[in-house]
Amino acid sequence: MNLDSLLTQQQAQLERLLNITEQELELIVQRKALELPPLTGQKQQLLADIQDTDASLCAHPDVALLASEYEPRVNELRALMSRCQERNQVAEQVLEQSLAGTRQLANILSRLHERQSMTYDQKGHTRGINKGTGFKV
């Protein structure tokens, strides 16, 4: 395969990667986490394909032309890869914030439940109500 074909292939792969990353971000924002695994599988396969294409470019006999004749195209691909990395970082940050918010909500609900199941003994000390033991006869 010639350099031009490899570069075209890598550009198409990077554009698909950017598209998948955008879809992931949209699903995270919309809180549709159950739809993420298929995209993650596609993304992993695409990253493996990108690595294979990159290895083919590095092993190509005319690899020196990438720094001269194909330099503008290589720079475009680097910029595209940079955009993919930036969008991936944004998706990661949004996901982390979403998980932190979910944890915070779970903690609040847990504390509310603890408060509702607390009572006071004869000395005025708090103690939890054991709701699961049932009655002793």
C-alpha atoms as a PDB file:
ATOM      1  CA  MET A   1       0.000   0.000   0.000  1.00  0.00           C
ATOM      2  CA  ASN A   2       1.372   3.454  -0.835  1.00  0.00           C
ATOM      3  CA  LEU A   3       1.738   6.317   1.635  1.00  0.00           C
ATOM      4  CA  ASP A   4      -1.169   8.258   0.189  1.00  0.00           C
ATOM      5  CA  SER A   5      -3.540   5.315   0.707  1.00  0.00           C
ATOM      6  CA  LEU A   6      -2.272   4.737   4.242  1.00  0.00           C
ATOM      7  CA  LEU A   7      -2.727   8.396   5.132  1.00  0.00           C
ATOM      8  CA  THR A   8      -6.239   8.398   3.670  1.00  0.00           C
ATOM      9  CA  GLN A   9      -7.046   5.267   5.646  1.00  0.00           C
ATOM     10  CA  GLN A  10      -5.703   6.793   8.849  1.00  0.00           C
ATOM     11  CA  GLN A  11      -7.691   9.988   8.273  1.00  0.00           C
ATOM     12  CA  ALA A  12     -10.902   7.980   7.857  1.00  0.00           C
ATOM     13  CA  GLN A  13     -10.124   6.022  11.026  1.00  0.00           C
ATOM     14  CA  LEU A  14      -9.456   9.183  13.030  1.00  0.00           C
ATOM     15  CA  GLU A  15     -12.661  10.790  11.758  1.00  0.00           C
ATOM     16  CA  ARG A  16     -14.618   7.685  12.853  1.00  0.00           C
ATOM     17  CA  LEU A  17     -12.863   7.844  16.230  1.00  0.00           C
ATOM     18  CA  LEU A  18     -13.862  11.490  16.643  1.00  0.00           C
ATOM     19  CA  ASN A  19     -17.442  10.600  15.700  1.00  0.00           C
ATOM     20  CA  ILE A  20     -17.573   7.753  18.252  1.00  0.00           C
ATOM     21  CA  THR A  21     -16.102   9.993  20.940  1.00  0.00           C
ATOM     22  CA  GLU A  22     -18.759  12.622  20.202  1.00  0.00           C
ATOM     23  CA  GLN A  23     -21.460   9.945  20.450  1.00  0.00           C
ATOM     24  CA  GLU A  24     -20.036   8.771  23.784  1.00  0.00           C
ATOM     25  CA  LEU A  25     -20.064  12.297  25.142  1.00  0.00           C
ATOM     26  CA  GLU A  26     -23.661  12.785  24.015  1.00  0.00           C
ATOM     27  CA  LEU A  27     -24.742   9.535  25.695  1.00  0.00           C
ATOM     28  CA  ILE A  28     -22.985  10.528  28.916  1.00  0.00           C
ATOM     29  CA  VAL A  29     -24.664  13.931  28.906  1.00  0.00           C
ATOM     30  CA  GLN A  30     -28.047  12.311  28.236  1.00  0.00           C
ATOM     31  CA  ARG A  31     -27.358   9.748  31.010  1.00  0.00           C
ATOM     32  CA  LYS A  32     -27.786   6.785  28.689  1.00  0.00           C
ATOM     33  CA  ALA A  33     -24.970   4.684  30.132  1.00  0.00           C
ATOM     34  CA  LEU A  34     -26.469   1.396  28.945  1.00  0.00           C
ATOM     35  CA  GLU A  35     -25.833   2.433  25.347  1.00  0.00           C
ATOM     36  CA  LEU A  36     -22.091   3.016  25.937  1.00  0.00           C
ATOM     37  CA  PRO A  37     -20.722  -0.589  25.813  1.00  0.00           C
ATOM     38  CA  PRO A  38     -21.306  -1.114  22.060  1.00  0.00           C
ATOM     39  CA  LEU A  39     -19.538   2.187  21.325  1.00  0.00           C
ATOM     40  CA  THR A  40     -16.693   1.224  23.632  1.00  0.00           C
ATOM     41  CA  GLY A  41     -16.206  -2.016  21.711  1.00  0.00           C
ATOM     42  CA  GLN A  42     -16.179  -0.144  18.412  1.00  0.00           C
ATOM     43  CA  LYS A  43     -13.749   2.386  19.828  1.00  0.00           C
ATOM     44  CA  GLN A  44     -11.339  -0.291  21.049  1.00  0.00           C
ATOM     45  CA  GLN A  45     -11.358  -1.995  17.658  1.00  0.00           C
ATOM     46  CA  LEU A  46     -10.850   1.321  15.907  1.00  0.00           C
ATOM     47  CA  LEU A  47      -7.905   2.189  18.167  1.00  0.00           C
ATOM     48  CA  ALA A  48      -6.323  -1.172  17.314  1.00  0.00           C
ATOM     49  CA  ASP A  49      -6.865  -0.435  13.596  1.00  0.00           C
ATOM     50  CA  ILE A  50      -5.287   3.011  14.004  1.00  0.00           C
ATOM     51  CA  GLN A  51      -2.253   1.429  15.667  1.00  0.00           C
ATOM     52  CA  ASP A  52      -1.960  -1.083  12.820  1.00  0.00           C
ATOM     53  CA  THR A  53      -2.124   1.673  10.214  1.00  0.00           C
ATOM     54  CA  ASP A  54       0.432   3.684  12.161  1.00  0.00           C
ATOM     55  CA  ALA A  55       2.748   0.666  12.275  1.00  0.00           C
ATOM     56  CA  SER A  56       2.312   0.247   8.516  1.00  0.00           C
ATOM     57  CA  LEU A  57       3.220   3.894   8.001  1.00  0.00           C
ATOM     58  CA  CYS A  58       6.341   3.568  10.164  1.00  0.00           C
ATOM     59  CA  ALA A  59       7.460   0.412   8.340  1.00  0.00           C
ATOM     60  CA  HIS A  60       6.814   1.834   4.867  1.00  0.00           C
ATOM     61  CA  PRO A  61       9.932   2.105   2.672  1.00  0.00           C
ATOM     62  CA  ASP A  62       9.110   5.733   1.820  1.00  0.00           C
ATOM     63  CA  VAL A  63       8.559   6.782   5.451  1.00  0.00           C
ATOM     64  CA  ALA A  64      11.027   9.686   5.004  1.00  0.00           C
ATOM     65  CA  LEU A  65       8.511  11.373   2.694  1.00  0.00           C
ATOM     66  CA  LEU A  66       6.166  11.870   5.664  1.00  0.00           C
ATOM     67  CA  ALA A  67       8.469  14.593   6.978  1.00  0.00           C
ATOM     68  CA  SER A  68       8.739  16.383   3.656  1.00  0.00           C
ATOM     69  CA  GLU A  69       6.266  15.761   0.862  1.00  0.00           C
ATOM     70  CA  TYR A  70       3.395  14.601   3.107  1.00  0.00           C
ATOM     71  CA  GLU A  71       4.104  16.938   6.023  1.00  0.00           C
ATOM     72  CA  PRO A  72       0.916  19.053   5.611  1.00  0.00           C
ATOM     73  CA  ARG A  73      -1.233  15.924   5.617  1.00  0.00           C
ATOM     74  CA  VAL A  74       0.609  14.486   8.590  1.00  0.00           C
ATOM     75  CA  ASN A  75       0.034  17.758  10.452  1.00  0.00           C
ATOM     76  CA  GLU A  76      -3.691  17.562   9.641  1.00  0.00           C
ATOM     77  CA  LEU A  77      -3.791  14.026  11.008  1.00  0.00           C
ATOM     78  CA  ARG A  78      -1.988  15.113  14.163  1.00  0.00           C
ATOM     79  CA  ALA A  79      -4.500  17.924  14.633  1.00  0.00           C
ATOM     80  CA  LEU A  80      -7.353  15.465  14.130  1.00  0.00           C
ATOM     81  CA  MET A  81      -5.816  13.106  16.683  1.00  0.00           C
ATOM     82  CA  SER A  82      -5.442  16.016  19.088  1.00  0.00           C
ATOM     83  CA  ARG A  83      -9.149  16.830  18.697  1.00  0.00           C
ATOM     84  CA  CYS A  84      -9.993  13.181  19.413  1.00  0.00           C
ATOM     85  CA  GLN A  85      -7.893  13.281  22.584  1.00  0.00           C
ATOM     86  CA  GLU A  86      -9.478  16.557  23.728  1.00  0.00           C
ATOM     87  CA  ARG A  87     -13.028  15.246  23.191  1.00  0.00           C
ATOM     88  CA  ASN A  88     -12.110  12.043  24.998  1.00  0.00           C
ATOM     89  CA  GLN A  89     -10.818  14.055  27.967  1.00  0.00           C
ATOM     90  CA  VAL A  90     -14.019  16.113  28.016  1.00  0.00           C
ATOM     91  CA  ALA A  91     -16.102  12.920  27.981  1.00  0.00           C
ATOM     92  CA  GLU A  92     -13.979  11.517  30.809  1.00  0.00           C
ATOM     93  CA  GLN A  93     -14.436  14.666  32.898  1.00  0.00           C
ATOM     94  CA  VAL A  94     -18.201  14.742  32.310  1.00  0.00           C
ATOM     95  CA  LEU A  95     -18.422  11.061  33.248  1.00  0.00           C
ATOM     96  CA  GLU A  96     -16.389  11.621  36.426  1.00  0.00           C
ATOM     97  CA  GLN A  97     -18.605  14.564  37.400  1.00  0.00           C
ATOM     98  CA  SER A  98     -21.703  12.513  36.733  1.00  0.00           C
ATOM     99  CA  LEU A  99     -20.394   9.646  38.868  1.00  0.00           C
ATOM    100  CA  ALA A 100     -19.446  12.059  41.655  1.00  0.00           C
ATOM    101  CA  GLY A 101     -22.951  13.532  41.570  1.00  0.00           C
ATOM    102  CA  THR A 102     -24.477  10.059  41.697  1.00  0.00           C
ATOM    103  CA  ARG A 103     -22.287   9.112  44.668  1.00  0.00           C
ATOM    104  CA  GLN A 104     -23.212  12.335  46.437  1.00  0.00           C
ATOM    105  CA  LEU A 105     -26.913  11.660  45.875  1.00  0.00           C
ATOM    106  CA  ALA A 106     -26.512   8.093  47.181  1.00  0.00           C
ATOM    107  CA  ASN A 107     -24.794   9.429  50.308  1.00  0.00           C
ATOM    108  CA  ILE A 108     -27.575  11.960  50.892  1.00  0.00           C
ATOM    109  CA  LEU A 109     -30.242   9.280  50.478  1.00  0.00           C
ATOM    110  CA  SER A 110     -28.334   6.966  52.801  1.00  0.00           C
ATOM    111  CA  ARG A 111     -28.091   9.667  55.480  1.00  0.00           C
ATOM    112  CA  LEU A 112     -31.793  10.422  55.119  1.00  0.00           C
ATOM    113  CA  HIS A 113     -32.609   6.765  55.552  1.00  0.00           C
ATOM    114  CA  GLU A 114     -30.371   6.580  58.643  1.00  0.00           C
ATOM    115  CA  ARG A 115     -32.109   9.591  60.174  1.00  0.00           C
ATOM    116  CA  GLN A 116     -35.528   8.121  59.557  1.00  0.00           C
ATOM    117  CA  SER A 117     -34.527   4.849  61.185  1.00  0.00           C
ATOM    118  CA  MET A 118     -33.063   6.489  64.323  1.00  0.00           C
ATOM    119  CA  THR A 119     -34.824   6.733  67.634  1.00  0.00           C
ATOM    120  CA  TYR A 120     -33.946   7.713  71.174  1.00  0.00           C
ATOM    121  CA  ASP A 121     -33.639   5.440  74.180  1.00  0.00           C
ATOM    122  CA  GLN A 122     -34.724   6.269  77.756  1.00  0.00           C
ATOM    123  CA  LYS A 123     -31.463   8.135  78.422  1.00  0.00           C
ATOM    124  CA  GLY A 124     -31.798  10.346  75.334  1.00  0.00           C
ATOM    125  CA  HIS A 125     -29.145   8.583  73.285  1.00  0.00           C
ATOM    126  CA  THR A 126     -29.786   7.889  69.616  1.00  0.00           C
ATOM    127  CA  ARG A 127     -30.009   4.345  68.383  1.00  0.00           C
ATOM    128  CA  GLY A 128     -31.022   2.770  65.133  1.00  0.00           C
ATOM    129  CA  ILE A 129     -34.225   0.875  64.671  1.00  0.00           C
ATOM    130  CA  ASN A 130     -33.697  -2.711  63.666  1.00  0.00           C
ATOM    131  CA  LYS A 131     -36.434  -3.198  61.089  1.00  0.00           C
ATOM    132  CA  GLY A 132     -35.429  -6.646  59.900  1.00  0.00           C
ATOM    133  CA  THR A 133     -35.664  -8.919  62.963  1.00  0.00           C
ATOM    134  CA  GLY A 134     -39.405  -9.229  63.299  1.00  0.00           C
ATOM    135  CA  PHE A 135     -41.224 -10.005  66.534  1.00  0.00           C
ATOM    136  CA  LYS A 136     -40.285 -12.325  69.382  1.00  0.00           C
ATOM    137  CA  VAL A 137     -43.143 -14.251  70.936  1.00  0.00           C
END
